[in-house]
Amino acid sequence: MLGICVNGDDAHPLWKWMKVQPKGRGMLGNAIKWNFTKFLIDKNGCVVKRYGPMEEPLVIEKDLPCYLQLHKCAPPTRACHLCPSEPSTWCP
């Protein structure tokens, strides 16, 4: 089975980018423990939350209504550095 590197110098550019986003850091800093680490990315391509490999998909599912119904969310607190004109909207 082939895979891609998620850590180190040979890490795939997408994984490198997700890990350095303001909300892309995990308990181990930028390192990815294993390949079931998950990221929630908004419509602007900004990381809004990182989930550990042991977190069940139901945890993500519980976060989605807030993300999908942005008018019910709290005002954003920080802009993604890639889309500074439109902050990433997310419920804290």
C-alpha atoms as a PDB file:
ATOM      1  CA  MET A   1       0.000   0.000   0.000  1.00  0.00           C
ATOM      2  CA  LEU A   2       1.342   3.407  -0.968  1.00  0.00           C
ATOM      3  CA  GLY A   3       0.933   6.476   1.163  1.00  0.00           C
ATOM      4  CA  ILE A   4       2.174  10.005   1.525  1.00  0.00           C
ATOM      5  CA  CYS A   5       4.451  11.489   4.136  1.00  0.00           C
ATOM      6  CA  VAL A   6       2.692  13.748   6.632  1.00  0.00           C
ATOM      7  CA  ASN A   7       5.719  14.727   8.753  1.00  0.00           C
ATOM      8  CA  GLY A   8       9.299  15.717   8.078  1.00  0.00           C
ATOM      9  CA  ASP A   9      11.039  17.233   5.093  1.00  0.00           C
ATOM     10  CA  ASP A  10       9.301  14.843   2.679  1.00  0.00           C
ATOM     11  CA  ALA A  11       5.781  15.665   3.941  1.00  0.00           C
ATOM     12  CA  HIS A  12       3.214  16.405   1.259  1.00  0.00           C
ATOM     13  CA  PRO A  13       2.743  20.199   0.803  1.00  0.00           C
ATOM     14  CA  LEU A  14      -0.940  20.005   1.789  1.00  0.00           C
ATOM     15  CA  TRP A  15      -0.081  18.409   5.142  1.00  0.00           C
ATOM     16  CA  LYS A  16       2.734  20.880   5.730  1.00  0.00           C
ATOM     17  CA  TRP A  17       0.343  23.765   5.073  1.00  0.00           C
ATOM     18  CA  MET A  18      -2.483  22.425   7.278  1.00  0.00           C
ATOM     19  CA  LYS A  19      -0.139  21.884  10.221  1.00  0.00           C
ATOM     20  CA  VAL A  20       1.148  25.472  10.271  1.00  0.00           C
ATOM     21  CA  GLN A  21      -2.273  27.144  10.174  1.00  0.00           C
ATOM     22  CA  PRO A  22      -3.306  28.947  13.392  1.00  0.00           C
ATOM     23  CA  LYS A  23      -5.865  26.230  14.185  1.00  0.00           C
ATOM     24  CA  GLY A  24      -3.851  23.404  12.652  1.00  0.00           C
ATOM     25  CA  ARG A  25      -1.649  22.723  15.644  1.00  0.00           C
ATOM     26  CA  GLY A  26      -2.327  19.662  17.757  1.00  0.00           C
ATOM     27  CA  MET A  27      -1.286  18.409  21.168  1.00  0.00           C
ATOM     28  CA  LEU A  28       2.097  17.436  19.735  1.00  0.00           C
ATOM     29  CA  GLY A  29       2.581  20.813  18.076  1.00  0.00           C
ATOM     30  CA  ASN A  30       2.715  20.481  14.311  1.00  0.00           C
ATOM     31  CA  ALA A  31       3.503  16.764  14.254  1.00  0.00           C
ATOM     32  CA  ILE A  32       0.867  14.324  13.048  1.00  0.00           C
ATOM     33  CA  LYS A  33       0.709  11.215  15.212  1.00  0.00           C
ATOM     34  CA  TRP A  34      -0.725   9.027  12.455  1.00  0.00           C
ATOM     35  CA  ASN A  35      -2.829   9.199   9.327  1.00  0.00           C
ATOM     36  CA  PHE A  36      -6.248   9.436  10.985  1.00  0.00           C
ATOM     37  CA  THR A  37      -5.679  13.041  12.059  1.00  0.00           C
ATOM     38  CA  LYS A  38      -8.478  15.105  10.527  1.00  0.00           C
ATOM     39  CA  PHE A  39      -8.822  18.787   9.625  1.00  0.00           C
ATOM     40  CA  LEU A  40     -11.991  20.825   9.117  1.00  0.00           C
ATOM     41  CA  ILE A  41     -11.427  23.437   6.406  1.00  0.00           C
ATOM     42  CA  ASP A  42     -13.797  26.321   5.674  1.00  0.00           C
ATOM     43  CA  LYS A  43     -15.072  27.513   2.300  1.00  0.00           C
ATOM     44  CA  ASN A  44     -12.094  29.879   2.010  1.00  0.00           C
ATOM     45  CA  GLY A  45      -9.613  27.057   2.459  1.00  0.00           C
ATOM     46  CA  CYS A  46      -8.694  27.974   6.032  1.00  0.00           C
ATOM     47  CA  VAL A  47      -8.219  25.366   8.740  1.00  0.00           C
ATOM     48  CA  VAL A  48     -10.883  25.927  11.389  1.00  0.00           C
ATOM     49  CA  LYS A  49     -10.256  22.899  13.584  1.00  0.00           C
ATOM     50  CA  ARG A  50      -7.980  19.892  13.941  1.00  0.00           C
ATOM     51  CA  TYR A  51      -9.150  16.536  15.274  1.00  0.00           C
ATOM     52  CA  GLY A  52      -6.922  13.860  16.755  1.00  0.00           C
ATOM     53  CA  PRO A  53      -6.685  10.373  15.272  1.00  0.00           C
ATOM     54  CA  MET A  54      -8.748   8.837  18.075  1.00  0.00           C
ATOM     55  CA  GLU A  55     -11.644  11.316  17.770  1.00  0.00           C
ATOM     56  CA  GLU A  56     -14.718   9.687  16.307  1.00  0.00           C
ATOM     57  CA  PRO A  57     -16.389  11.145  13.204  1.00  0.00           C
ATOM     58  CA  LEU A  58     -19.402  11.914  15.433  1.00  0.00           C
ATOM     59  CA  VAL A  59     -17.318  14.621  17.119  1.00  0.00           C
ATOM     60  CA  ILE A  60     -16.823  16.300  13.754  1.00  0.00           C
ATOM     61  CA  GLU A  61     -20.494  15.806  12.925  1.00  0.00           C
ATOM     62  CA  LYS A  62     -21.452  17.714  16.094  1.00  0.00           C
ATOM     63  CA  ASP A  63     -19.293  20.663  14.980  1.00  0.00           C
ATOM     64  CA  LEU A  64     -20.721  20.844  11.459  1.00  0.00           C
ATOM     65  CA  PRO A  65     -24.103  22.506  12.184  1.00  0.00           C
ATOM     66  CA  CYS A  66     -22.328  25.581  13.499  1.00  0.00           C
ATOM     67  CA  TYR A  67     -20.058  25.655  10.485  1.00  0.00           C
ATOM     68  CA  LEU A  68     -22.922  25.126   8.039  1.00  0.00           C
ATOM     69  CA  GLN A  69     -25.201  27.703   9.675  1.00  0.00           C
ATOM     70  CA  LEU A  70     -22.724  30.543   9.971  1.00  0.00           C
ATOM     71  CA  HIS A  71     -25.322  33.069  11.108  1.00  0.00           C
ATOM     72  CA  LYS A  72     -25.585  31.200  14.434  1.00  0.00           C
ATOM     73  CA  CYS A  73     -21.866  31.299  15.093  1.00  0.00           C
ATOM     74  CA  ALA A  74     -19.913  33.672  17.229  1.00  0.00           C
ATOM     75  CA  PRO A  75     -17.964  36.368  15.364  1.00  0.00           C
ATOM     76  CA  PRO A  76     -14.577  35.203  14.121  1.00  0.00           C
ATOM     77  CA  THR A  77     -11.609  36.058  16.271  1.00  0.00           C
ATOM     78  CA  ARG A  78      -8.740  35.561  13.858  1.00  0.00           C
ATOM     79  CA  ALA A  79      -8.306  35.702  10.097  1.00  0.00           C
ATOM     80  CA  CYS A  80      -6.582  32.952   8.180  1.00  0.00           C
ATOM     81  CA  HIS A  81      -3.323  34.302   6.797  1.00  0.00           C
ATOM     82  CA  LEU A  82      -4.322  33.136   3.311  1.00  0.00           C
ATOM     83  CA  CYS A  83      -7.658  34.944   3.323  1.00  0.00           C
ATOM     84  CA  PRO A  84      -7.173  38.016   5.529  1.00  0.00           C
ATOM     85  CA  SER A  85     -10.068  39.923   3.998  1.00  0.00           C
ATOM     86  CA  GLU A  86     -12.573  37.285   5.075  1.00  0.00           C
ATOM     87  CA  PRO A  87     -11.929  35.809   8.535  1.00  0.00           C
ATOM     88  CA  SER A  88     -12.585  32.172   9.115  1.00  0.00           C
ATOM     89  CA  THR A  89     -15.954  31.956  10.849  1.00  0.00           C
ATOM     90  CA  TRP A  90     -16.093  29.356  13.555  1.00  0.00           C
ATOM     91  CA  CYS A  91     -17.825  28.720  16.846  1.00  0.00           C
ATOM     92  CA  PRO A  92     -15.263  28.647  19.646  1.00  0.00           C
END
